[in-house]
Amino acid sequence: MNTINPSKRRNETITIRCTRHEKSVIGQKAAKQGKTISTYAVNAALAGKETHREKDKRMAKDLVELTQGLNDCYRYMHCENIDMEALKGMFGRIMEGAGKLWENL
């Protein structure tokens, strides 16, 4: 016998407002995944898309910092008097930045 556990039954309603175009796009995305709009929307909401955006912002910031470190190092290497300790420090910052990016993946 195929019965639904009452605690798993979806019997609550959330109403959201969207444009006709947004509804169409959501419907197309749901259909691509073989889901109903309801199931697709619940899964997307529970996945916490807002946390992905924050993660993307952190990664962009870390990438900018890493790029700045690489640029500083490149410019410094073309100076006449290179201090190896300063260069080691720059490479240390670059490696730190790369580590941050890997942590955020």
PDB file of N, CA and C in Angstrom:
ATOM      1  N   MET A   1       0.845  -1.187   0.000  1.00  0.00           N
ATOM      2  CA  MET A   1       0.000   0.000   0.000  1.00  0.00           C
ATOM      3  C   MET A   1       0.886   1.244   0.000  1.00  0.00           C
ATOM      4  N   ASN A   2       0.596   2.175  -0.862  1.00  0.00           N
ATOM      5  CA  ASN A   2       1.407   3.378  -1.032  1.00  0.00           C
ATOM      6  C   ASN A   2       0.728   4.544  -0.322  1.00  0.00           C
ATOM      7  N   THR A   3       1.105   4.806   0.922  1.00  0.00           N
ATOM      8  CA  THR A   3       0.515   5.919   1.667  1.00  0.00           C
ATOM      9  C   THR A   3       1.577   6.962   1.940  1.00  0.00           C
ATOM     10  N   ILE A   4       1.151   8.202   2.036  1.00  0.00           N
ATOM     11  CA  ILE A   4       2.061   9.316   2.316  1.00  0.00           C
ATOM     12  C   ILE A   4       2.084   9.554   3.810  1.00  0.00           C
ATOM     13  N   ASN A   5       3.279   9.640   4.358  1.00  0.00           N
ATOM     14  CA  ASN A   5       3.447   9.955   5.771  1.00  0.00           C
ATOM     15  C   ASN A   5       2.881  11.355   6.001  1.00  0.00           C
ATOM     16  N   PRO A   6       1.937  11.512   6.966  1.00  0.00           N
ATOM     17  CA  PRO A   6       1.325  12.829   7.197  1.00  0.00           C
ATOM     18  C   PRO A   6       2.336  13.944   7.444  1.00  0.00           C
ATOM     19  N   SER A   7       3.474  13.627   8.073  1.00  0.00           N
ATOM     20  CA  SER A   7       4.465  14.671   8.340  1.00  0.00           C
ATOM     21  C   SER A   7       5.188  15.101   7.062  1.00  0.00           C
ATOM     22  N   LYS A   8       5.121  14.287   6.004  1.00  0.00           N
ATOM     23  CA  LYS A   8       5.778  14.594   4.725  1.00  0.00           C
ATOM     24  C   LYS A   8       4.796  15.183   3.711  1.00  0.00           C
ATOM     25  N   ARG A   9       3.518  15.152   4.027  1.00  0.00           N
ATOM     26  CA  ARG A   9       2.512  15.650   3.103  1.00  0.00           C
ATOM     27  C   ARG A   9       2.611  17.163   2.987  1.00  0.00           C
ATOM     28  N   ARG A  10       2.606  17.642   1.764  1.00  0.00           N
ATOM     29  CA  ARG A  10       2.681  19.085   1.526  1.00  0.00           C
ATOM     30  C   ARG A  10       1.267  19.641   1.485  1.00  0.00           C
ATOM     31  N   ASN A  11       0.874  20.238   2.589  1.00  0.00           N
ATOM     32  CA  ASN A  11      -0.482  20.780   2.645  1.00  0.00           C
ATOM     33  C   ASN A  11      -0.501  22.245   3.083  1.00  0.00           C
ATOM     34  N   GLU A  12       0.637  22.889   3.073  1.00  0.00           N
ATOM     35  CA  GLU A  12       0.726  24.319   3.382  1.00  0.00           C
ATOM     36  C   GLU A  12       0.906  25.083   2.072  1.00  0.00           C
ATOM     37  N   THR A  13       0.474  26.342   2.061  1.00  0.00           N
ATOM     38  CA  THR A  13       0.536  27.145   0.844  1.00  0.00           C
ATOM     39  C   THR A  13       1.306  28.434   1.083  1.00  0.00           C
ATOM     40  N   ILE A  14       2.151  28.779   0.116  1.00  0.00           N
ATOM     41  CA  ILE A  14       2.839  30.070   0.090  1.00  0.00           C
ATOM     42  C   ILE A  14       2.479  30.700  -1.249  1.00  0.00           C
ATOM     43  N   THR A  15       2.031  31.922  -1.233  1.00  0.00           N
ATOM     44  CA  THR A  15       1.685  32.615  -2.468  1.00  0.00           C
ATOM     45  C   THR A  15       2.764  33.652  -2.760  1.00  0.00           C
ATOM     46  N   ILE A  16       3.274  33.628  -3.970  1.00  0.00           N
ATOM     47  CA  ILE A  16       4.269  34.633  -4.364  1.00  0.00           C
ATOM     48  C   ILE A  16       3.759  35.368  -5.599  1.00  0.00           C
ATOM     49  N   ARG A  17       4.184  36.610  -5.734  1.00  0.00           N
ATOM     50  CA  ARG A  17       3.786  37.411  -6.889  1.00  0.00           C
ATOM     51  C   ARG A  17       4.994  37.501  -7.823  1.00  0.00           C
ATOM     52  N   CYS A  18       4.730  37.369  -9.112  1.00  0.00           N
ATOM     53  CA  CYS A  18       5.788  37.499 -10.092  1.00  0.00           C
ATOM     54  C   CYS A  18       5.174  37.976 -11.402  1.00  0.00           C
ATOM     55  N   THR A  19       6.025  38.330 -12.332  1.00  0.00           N
ATOM     56  CA  THR A  19       5.522  38.753 -13.637  1.00  0.00           C
ATOM     57  C   THR A  19       5.174  37.510 -14.452  1.00  0.00           C
ATOM     58  N   ARG A  20       4.455  37.718 -15.535  1.00  0.00           N
ATOM     59  CA  ARG A  20       4.104  36.607 -16.424  1.00  0.00           C
ATOM     60  C   ARG A  20       5.393  35.989 -16.986  1.00  0.00           C
ATOM     61  N   HIS A  21       6.354  36.833 -17.315  1.00  0.00           N
ATOM     62  CA  HIS A  21       7.630  36.340 -17.853  1.00  0.00           C
ATOM     63  C   HIS A  21       8.373  35.494 -16.814  1.00  0.00           C
ATOM     64  N   GLU A  22       8.451  35.994 -15.570  1.00  0.00           N
ATOM     65  CA  GLU A  22       9.125  35.227 -14.512  1.00  0.00           C
ATOM     66  C   GLU A  22       8.458  33.872 -14.311  1.00  0.00           C
ATOM     67  N   LYS A  23       7.129  33.874 -14.328  1.00  0.00           N
ATOM     68  CA  LYS A  23       6.392  32.616 -14.164  1.00  0.00           C
ATOM     69  C   LYS A  23       6.728  31.650 -15.296  1.00  0.00           C
ATOM     70  N   SER A  24       6.821  32.181 -16.507  1.00  0.00           N
ATOM     71  CA  SER A  24       7.155  31.354 -17.661  1.00  0.00           C
ATOM     72  C   SER A  24       8.558  30.763 -17.535  1.00  0.00           C
ATOM     73  N   VAL A  25       9.515  31.603 -17.141  1.00  0.00           N
ATOM     74  CA  VAL A  25      10.900  31.145 -16.993  1.00  0.00           C
ATOM     75  C   VAL A  25      10.989  30.075 -15.906  1.00  0.00           C
ATOM     76  N   ILE A  26      10.319  30.305 -14.777  1.00  0.00           N
ATOM     77  CA  ILE A  26      10.333  29.324 -13.680  1.00  0.00           C
ATOM     78  C   ILE A  26       9.705  28.014 -14.154  1.00  0.00           C
ATOM     79  N   GLY A  27       8.609  28.124 -14.875  1.00  0.00           N
ATOM     80  CA  GLY A  27       7.957  26.924 -15.405  1.00  0.00           C
ATOM     81  C   GLY A  27       8.856  26.149 -16.353  1.00  0.00           C
ATOM     82  N   GLN A  28       9.577  26.866 -17.214  1.00  0.00           N
ATOM     83  CA  GLN A  28      10.500  26.210 -18.147  1.00  0.00           C
ATOM     84  C   GLN A  28      11.640  25.514 -17.403  1.00  0.00           C
ATOM     85  N   LYS A  29      12.182  26.181 -16.379  1.00  0.00           N
ATOM     86  CA  LYS A  29      13.269  25.576 -15.601  1.00  0.00           C
ATOM     87  C   LYS A  29      12.784  24.335 -14.862  1.00  0.00           C
ATOM     88  N   ALA A  30      11.583  24.419 -14.312  1.00  0.00           N
ATOM     89  CA  ALA A  30      11.007  23.262 -13.612  1.00  0.00           C
ATOM     90  C   ALA A  30      10.816  22.104 -14.583  1.00  0.00           C
ATOM     91  N   ALA A  31      10.267  22.405 -15.757  1.00  0.00           N
ATOM     92  CA  ALA A  31      10.023  21.361 -16.761  1.00  0.00           C
ATOM     93  C   ALA A  31      11.329  20.702 -17.200  1.00  0.00           C
ATOM     94  N   LYS A  32      12.388  21.492 -17.346  1.00  0.00           N
ATOM     95  CA  LYS A  32      13.697  20.946 -17.737  1.00  0.00           C
ATOM     96  C   LYS A  32      14.182  19.903 -16.739  1.00  0.00           C
ATOM     97  N   GLN A  33      13.840  20.125 -15.460  1.00  0.00           N
ATOM     98  CA  GLN A  33      14.265  19.198 -14.415  1.00  0.00           C
ATOM     99  C   GLN A  33      13.218  18.131 -14.146  1.00  0.00           C
ATOM    100  N   GLY A  34      12.127  18.154 -14.901  1.00  0.00           N
ATOM    101  CA  GLY A  34      11.073  17.161 -14.714  1.00  0.00           C
ATOM    102  C   GLY A  34      10.319  17.341 -13.406  1.00  0.00           C
ATOM    103  N   LYS A  35      10.184  18.586 -12.958  1.00  0.00           N
ATOM    104  CA  LYS A  35       9.520  18.878 -11.679  1.00  0.00           C
ATOM    105  C   LYS A  35       8.328  19.786 -11.913  1.00  0.00           C
ATOM    106  N   THR A  36       7.438  19.793 -10.946  1.00  0.00           N
ATOM    107  CA  THR A  36       6.363  20.770 -10.971  1.00  0.00           C
ATOM    108  C   THR A  36       6.943  22.112 -10.544  1.00  0.00           C
ATOM    109  N   ILE A  37       6.234  23.178 -10.854  1.00  0.00           N
ATOM    110  CA  ILE A  37       6.681  24.504 -10.422  1.00  0.00           C
ATOM    111  C   ILE A  37       6.770  24.531  -8.900  1.00  0.00           C
ATOM    112  N   SER A  38       5.812  23.931  -8.235  1.00  0.00           N
ATOM    113  CA  SER A  38       5.802  23.912  -6.773  1.00  0.00           C
ATOM    114  C   SER A  38       7.050  23.232  -6.221  1.00  0.00           C
ATOM    115  N   THR A  39       7.347  22.043  -6.721  1.00  0.00           N
ATOM    116  CA  THR A  39       8.519  21.299  -6.246  1.00  0.00           C
ATOM    117  C   THR A  39       9.805  22.049  -6.571  1.00  0.00           C
ATOM    118  N   TYR A  40       9.882  22.596  -7.782  1.00  0.00           N
ATOM    119  CA  TYR A  40      11.066  23.353  -8.186  1.00  0.00           C
ATOM    120  C   TYR A  40      11.276  24.549  -7.261  1.00  0.00           C
ATOM    121  N   ALA A  41      10.191  25.302  -6.995  1.00  0.00           N
ATOM    122  CA  ALA A  41      10.294  26.499  -6.155  1.00  0.00           C
ATOM    123  C   ALA A  41      10.680  26.140  -4.721  1.00  0.00           C
ATOM    124  N   VAL A  42      10.086  25.088  -4.181  1.00  0.00           N
ATOM    125  CA  VAL A  42      10.424  24.664  -2.815  1.00  0.00           C
ATOM    126  C   VAL A  42      11.886  24.252  -2.745  1.00  0.00           C
ATOM    127  N   ASN A  43      12.336  23.452  -3.718  1.00  0.00           N
ATOM    128  CA  ASN A  43      13.738  23.013  -3.719  1.00  0.00           C
ATOM    129  C   ASN A  43      14.694  24.196  -3.837  1.00  0.00           C
ATOM    130  N   ALA A  44      14.370  25.154  -4.705  1.00  0.00           N
ATOM    131  CA  ALA A  44      15.233  26.331  -4.878  1.00  0.00           C
ATOM    132  C   ALA A  44      15.280  27.154  -3.598  1.00  0.00           C
ATOM    133  N   ALA A  45      14.127  27.338  -2.962  1.00  0.00           N
ATOM    134  CA  ALA A  45      14.080  28.127  -1.725  1.00  0.00           C
ATOM    135  C   ALA A  45      14.851  27.433  -0.603  1.00  0.00           C
ATOM    136  N   LEU A  46      14.691  26.124  -0.503  1.00  0.00           N
ATOM    137  CA  LEU A  46      15.388  25.393   0.553  1.00  0.00           C
ATOM    138  C   LEU A  46      16.892  25.316   0.305  1.00  0.00           C
ATOM    139  N   ALA A  47      17.307  25.426  -0.958  1.00  0.00           N
ATOM    140  CA  ALA A  47      18.739  25.377  -1.276  1.00  0.00           C
ATOM    141  C   ALA A  47      19.454  26.636  -0.807  1.00  0.00           C
ATOM    142  N   GLY A  48      18.698  27.691  -0.493  1.00  0.00           N
ATOM    143  CA  GLY A  48      19.311  28.911   0.044  1.00  0.00           C
ATOM    144  C   GLY A  48      20.130  29.651  -0.977  1.00  0.00           C
ATOM    145  N   LYS A  49      19.543  30.026  -2.081  1.00  0.00           N
ATOM    146  CA  LYS A  49      20.274  30.718  -3.134  1.00  0.00           C
ATOM    147  C   LYS A  49      20.941  31.990  -2.645  1.00  0.00           C
ATOM    148  N   GLU A  50      20.375  32.627  -1.611  1.00  0.00           N
ATOM    149  CA  GLU A  50      20.994  33.862  -1.119  1.00  0.00           C
ATOM    150  C   GLU A  50      22.379  33.603  -0.556  1.00  0.00           C
ATOM    151  N   THR A  51      22.609  32.410  -0.009  1.00  0.00           N
ATOM    152  CA  THR A  51      23.942  32.114   0.512  1.00  0.00           C
ATOM    153  C   THR A  51      24.934  31.966  -0.632  1.00  0.00           C
ATOM    154  N   HIS A  52      24.475  31.506  -1.792  1.00  0.00           N
ATOM    155  CA  HIS A  52      25.362  31.402  -2.942  1.00  0.00           C
ATOM    156  C   HIS A  52      25.797  32.791  -3.404  1.00  0.00           C
ATOM    157  N   ARG A  53      24.892  33.740  -3.343  1.00  0.00           N
ATOM    158  CA  ARG A  53      25.244  35.095  -3.756  1.00  0.00           C
ATOM    159  C   ARG A  53      26.297  35.688  -2.825  1.00  0.00           C
ATOM    160  N   GLU A  54      26.152  35.465  -1.534  1.00  0.00           N
ATOM    161  CA  GLU A  54      27.149  35.964  -0.583  1.00  0.00           C
ATOM    162  C   GLU A  54      28.495  35.302  -0.842  1.00  0.00           C
ATOM    163  N   LYS A  55      28.470  34.011  -1.123  1.00  0.00           N
ATOM    164  CA  LYS A  55      29.700  33.291  -1.419  1.00  0.00           C
ATOM    165  C   LYS A  55      30.346  33.855  -2.689  1.00  0.00           C
ATOM    166  N   ASP A  56      29.529  34.137  -3.696  1.00  0.00           N
ATOM    167  CA  ASP A  56      30.043  34.717  -4.939  1.00  0.00           C
ATOM    168  C   ASP A  56      30.694  36.076  -4.677  1.00  0.00           C
ATOM    169  N   LYS A  57      30.078  36.883  -3.807  1.00  0.00           N
ATOM    170  CA  LYS A  57      30.647  38.197  -3.479  1.00  0.00           C
ATOM    171  C   LYS A  57      31.998  38.034  -2.784  1.00  0.00           C
ATOM    172  N   ARG A  58      32.097  37.079  -1.850  1.00  0.00           N
ATOM    173  CA  ARG A  58      33.368  36.834  -1.159  1.00  0.00           C
ATOM    174  C   ARG A  58      34.433  36.378  -2.152  1.00  0.00           C
ATOM    175  N   MET A  59      34.042  35.484  -3.054  1.00  0.00           N
ATOM    176  CA  MET A  59      34.999  34.975  -4.028  1.00  0.00           C
ATOM    177  C   MET A  59      35.477  36.091  -4.955  1.00  0.00           C
ATOM    178  N   ALA A  60      34.579  36.971  -5.368  1.00  0.00           N
ATOM    179  CA  ALA A  60      34.967  38.087  -6.236  1.00  0.00           C
ATOM    180  C   ALA A  60      35.945  38.994  -5.505  1.00  0.00           C
ATOM    181  N   LYS A  61      35.666  39.285  -4.231  1.00  0.00           N
ATOM    182  CA  LYS A  61      36.559  40.129  -3.429  1.00  0.00           C
ATOM    183  C   LYS A  61      37.931  39.462  -3.298  1.00  0.00           C
ATOM    184  N   ASP A  62      37.945  38.157  -2.999  1.00  0.00           N
ATOM    185  CA  ASP A  62      39.209  37.439  -2.861  1.00  0.00           C
ATOM    186  C   ASP A  62      39.969  37.403  -4.175  1.00  0.00           C
ATOM    187  N   LEU A  63      39.251  37.274  -5.284  1.00  0.00           N
ATOM    188  CA  LEU A  63      39.895  37.248  -6.595  1.00  0.00           C
ATOM    189  C   LEU A  63      40.528  38.600  -6.925  1.00  0.00           C
ATOM    190  N   VAL A  64      39.837  39.681  -6.577  1.00  0.00           N
ATOM    191  CA  VAL A  64      40.396  41.022  -6.800  1.00  0.00           C
ATOM    192  C   VAL A  64      41.665  41.196  -5.973  1.00  0.00           C
ATOM    193  N   GLU A  65      41.629  40.775  -4.715  1.00  0.00           N
ATOM    194  CA  GLU A  65      42.810  40.894  -3.857  1.00  0.00           C
ATOM    195  C   GLU A  65      43.972  40.068  -4.405  1.00  0.00           C
ATOM    196  N   LEU A  66      43.675  38.862  -4.879  1.00  0.00           N
ATOM    197  CA  LEU A  66      44.714  38.004  -5.452  1.00  0.00           C
ATOM    198  C   LEU A  66      45.310  38.654  -6.694  1.00  0.00           C
ATOM    199  N   THR A  67      44.468  39.204  -7.543  1.00  0.00           N
ATOM    200  CA  THR A  67      44.932  39.867  -8.763  1.00  0.00           C
ATOM    201  C   THR A  67      45.797  41.072  -8.431  1.00  0.00           C
ATOM    202  N   GLN A  68      45.399  41.843  -7.413  1.00  0.00           N
ATOM    203  CA  GLN A  68      46.211  42.990  -6.996  1.00  0.00           C
ATOM    204  C   GLN A  68      47.585  42.527  -6.524  1.00  0.00           C
ATOM    205  N   GLY A  69      47.620  41.443  -5.771  1.00  0.00           N
ATOM    206  CA  GLY A  69      48.893  40.897  -5.307  1.00  0.00           C
ATOM    207  C   GLY A  69      49.775  40.451  -6.461  1.00  0.00           C
ATOM    208  N   LEU A  70      49.171  39.799  -7.452  1.00  0.00           N
ATOM    209  CA  LEU A  70      49.924  39.373  -8.638  1.00  0.00           C
ATOM    210  C   LEU A  70      50.460  40.574  -9.405  1.00  0.00           C
ATOM    211  N   ASN A  71      49.629  41.598  -9.564  1.00  0.00           N
ATOM    212  CA  ASN A  71      50.065  42.806 -10.263  1.00  0.00           C
ATOM    213  C   ASN A  71      51.195  43.503  -9.525  1.00  0.00           C
ATOM    214  N   ASP A  72      51.076  43.609  -8.200  1.00  0.00           N
ATOM    215  CA  ASP A  72      52.141  44.228  -7.395  1.00  0.00           C
ATOM    216  C   ASP A  72      53.450  43.453  -7.564  1.00  0.00           C
ATOM    217  N   CYS A  73      53.355  42.153  -7.517  1.00  0.00           N
ATOM    218  CA  CYS A  73      54.532  41.296  -7.634  1.00  0.00           C
ATOM    219  C   CYS A  73      55.166  41.454  -9.021  1.00  0.00           C
ATOM    220  N   TYR A  74      54.344  41.475 -10.047  1.00  0.00           N
ATOM    221  CA  TYR A  74      54.848  41.631 -11.410  1.00  0.00           C
ATOM    222  C   TYR A  74      55.584  42.965 -11.566  1.00  0.00           C
ATOM    223  N   ARG A  75      54.968  44.044 -11.073  1.00  0.00           N
ATOM    224  CA  ARG A  75      55.620  45.368 -11.177  1.00  0.00           C
ATOM    225  C   ARG A  75      56.924  45.389 -10.388  1.00  0.00           C
ATOM    226  N   TYR A  76      56.908  44.798  -9.205  1.00  0.00           N
ATOM    227  CA  TYR A  76      58.093  44.807  -8.346  1.00  0.00           C
ATOM    228  C   TYR A  76      59.241  44.039  -8.992  1.00  0.00           C
ATOM    229  N   MET A  77      58.924  42.950  -9.678  1.00  0.00           N
ATOM    230  CA  MET A  77      59.977  42.130 -10.291  1.00  0.00           C
ATOM    231  C   MET A  77      60.695  42.880 -11.419  1.00  0.00           C
ATOM    232  N   HIS A  78      60.102  43.959 -11.899  1.00  0.00           N
ATOM    233  CA  HIS A  78      60.732  44.741 -12.957  1.00  0.00           C
ATOM    234  C   HIS A  78      61.482  45.962 -12.416  1.00  0.00           C
ATOM    235  N   CYS A  79      61.636  46.025 -11.095  1.00  0.00           N
ATOM    236  CA  CYS A  79      62.437  47.087 -10.479  1.00  0.00           C
ATOM    237  C   CYS A  79      63.907  46.686 -10.548  1.00  0.00           C
ATOM    238  N   GLU A  80      64.769  47.680 -10.387  1.00  0.00           N
ATOM    239  CA  GLU A  80      66.203  47.380 -10.447  1.00  0.00           C
ATOM    240  C   GLU A  80      66.710  46.737  -9.162  1.00  0.00           C
ATOM    241  N   ASN A  81      66.243  47.212  -8.033  1.00  0.00           N
ATOM    242  CA  ASN A  81      66.730  46.695  -6.754  1.00  0.00           C
ATOM    243  C   ASN A  81      65.648  45.824  -6.113  1.00  0.00           C
ATOM    244  N   ILE A  82      65.747  44.533  -6.332  1.00  0.00           N
ATOM    245  CA  ILE A  82      64.739  43.613  -5.797  1.00  0.00           C
ATOM    246  C   ILE A  82      65.194  43.104  -4.439  1.00  0.00           C
ATOM    247  N   ASP A  83      64.358  43.300  -3.446  1.00  0.00           N
ATOM    248  CA  ASP A  83      64.593  42.776  -2.097  1.00  0.00           C
ATOM    249  C   ASP A  83      63.894  41.421  -2.018  1.00  0.00           C
ATOM    250  N   MET A  84      64.669  40.366  -1.898  1.00  0.00           N
ATOM    251  CA  MET A  84      64.108  39.011  -1.916  1.00  0.00           C
ATOM    252  C   MET A  84      63.108  38.794  -0.776  1.00  0.00           C
ATOM    253  N   GLU A  85      63.335  39.403   0.374  1.00  0.00           N
ATOM    254  CA  GLU A  85      62.390  39.237   1.486  1.00  0.00           C
ATOM    255  C   GLU A  85      61.042  39.872   1.150  1.00  0.00           C
ATOM    256  N   ALA A  86      61.081  41.036   0.522  1.00  0.00           N
ATOM    257  CA  ALA A  86      59.837  41.687   0.111  1.00  0.00           C
ATOM    258  C   ALA A  86      59.118  40.832  -0.926  1.00  0.00           C
ATOM    259  N   LEU A  87      59.888  40.266  -1.849  1.00  0.00           N
ATOM    260  CA  LEU A  87      59.306  39.417  -2.886  1.00  0.00           C
ATOM    261  C   LEU A  87      58.682  38.160  -2.269  1.00  0.00           C
ATOM    262  N   LYS A  88      59.366  37.585  -1.291  1.00  0.00           N
ATOM    263  CA  LYS A  88      58.814  36.416  -0.598  1.00  0.00           C
ATOM    264  C   LYS A  88      57.502  36.773   0.102  1.00  0.00           C
ATOM    265  N   GLY A  89      57.447  37.963   0.693  1.00  0.00           N
ATOM    266  CA  GLY A  89      56.218  38.415   1.355  1.00  0.00           C
ATOM    267  C   GLY A  89      55.070  38.561   0.365  1.00  0.00           C
ATOM    268  N   MET A  90      55.387  39.097  -0.813  1.00  0.00           N
ATOM    269  CA  MET A  90      54.359  39.252  -1.847  1.00  0.00           C
ATOM    270  C   MET A  90      53.838  37.892  -2.293  1.00  0.00           C
ATOM    271  N   PHE A  91      54.754  36.956  -2.504  1.00  0.00           N
ATOM    272  CA  PHE A  91      54.315  35.618  -2.908  1.00  0.00           C
ATOM    273  C   PHE A  91      53.523  34.942  -1.789  1.00  0.00           C
ATOM    274  N   GLY A  92      53.872  35.227  -0.559  1.00  0.00           N
ATOM    275  CA  GLY A  92      53.103  34.696   0.573  1.00  0.00           C
ATOM    276  C   GLY A  92      51.666  35.195   0.540  1.00  0.00           C
ATOM    277  N   ARG A  93      51.481  36.493   0.237  1.00  0.00           N
ATOM    278  CA  ARG A  93      50.126  37.068   0.129  1.00  0.00           C
ATOM    279  C   ARG A  93      49.364  36.440  -1.034  1.00  0.00           C
ATOM    280  N   ILE A  94      50.080  36.191  -2.127  1.00  0.00           N
ATOM    281  CA  ILE A  94      49.444  35.564  -3.292  1.00  0.00           C
ATOM    282  C   ILE A  94      48.966  34.155  -2.923  1.00  0.00           C
ATOM    283  N   MET A  95      49.804  33.406  -2.251  1.00  0.00           N
ATOM    284  CA  MET A  95      49.434  32.046  -1.853  1.00  0.00           C
ATOM    285  C   MET A  95      48.269  32.063  -0.870  1.00  0.00           C
ATOM    286  N   GLU A  96      48.254  33.038   0.024  1.00  0.00           N
ATOM    287  CA  GLU A  96      47.129  33.200   0.955  1.00  0.00           C
ATOM    288  C   GLU A  96      45.840  33.458   0.188  1.00  0.00           C
ATOM    289  N   GLY A  97      45.914  34.348  -0.784  1.00  0.00           N
ATOM    290  CA  GLY A  97      44.739  34.671  -1.596  1.00  0.00           C
ATOM    291  C   GLY A  97      44.231  33.472  -2.369  1.00  0.00           C
ATOM    292  N   ALA A  98      45.156  32.685  -2.911  1.00  0.00           N
ATOM    293  CA  ALA A  98      44.761  31.478  -3.635  1.00  0.00           C
ATOM    294  C   ALA A  98      44.088  30.497  -2.671  1.00  0.00           C
ATOM    295  N   GLY A  99      44.612  30.406  -1.458  1.00  0.00           N
ATOM    296  CA  GLY A  99      44.011  29.538  -0.442  1.00  0.00           C
ATOM    297  C   GLY A  99      42.591  29.936  -0.115  1.00  0.00           C
ATOM    298  N   LYS A 100      42.350  31.250   0.000  1.00  0.00           N
ATOM    299  CA  LYS A 100      40.984  31.750   0.279  1.00  0.00           C
ATOM    300  C   LYS A 100      40.025  31.356  -0.830  1.00  0.00           C
ATOM    301  N   LEU A 101      40.479  31.493  -2.063  1.00  0.00           N
ATOM    302  CA  LEU A 101      39.616  31.111  -3.191  1.00  0.00           C
ATOM    303  C   LEU A 101      39.273  29.631  -3.134  1.00  0.00           C
ATOM    304  N   TRP A 102      40.247  28.793  -2.844  1.00  0.00           N
ATOM    305  CA  TRP A 102      39.991  27.352  -2.757  1.00  0.00           C
ATOM    306  C   TRP A 102      39.023  27.027  -1.624  1.00  0.00           C
ATOM    307  N   GLU A 103      39.151  27.728  -0.496  1.00  0.00           N
ATOM    308  CA  GLU A 103      38.246  27.482   0.639  1.00  0.00           C
ATOM    309  C   GLU A 103      36.805  27.779   0.271  1.00  0.00           C
ATOM    310  N   ASN A 104      36.588  28.774  -0.596  1.00  0.00           N
ATOM    311  CA  ASN A 104      35.243  29.197  -0.951  1.00  0.00           C
ATOM    312  C   ASN A 104      34.593  28.355  -2.044  1.00  0.00           C
ATOM    313  N   LEU A 105      35.337  27.442  -2.636  1.00  0.00           N
ATOM    314  CA  LEU A 105      34.743  26.610  -3.702  1.00  0.00           C
ATOM    315  C   LEU A 105      33.769  25.611  -3.139  1.00  0.00           C
TER     316      LEU A 105
END
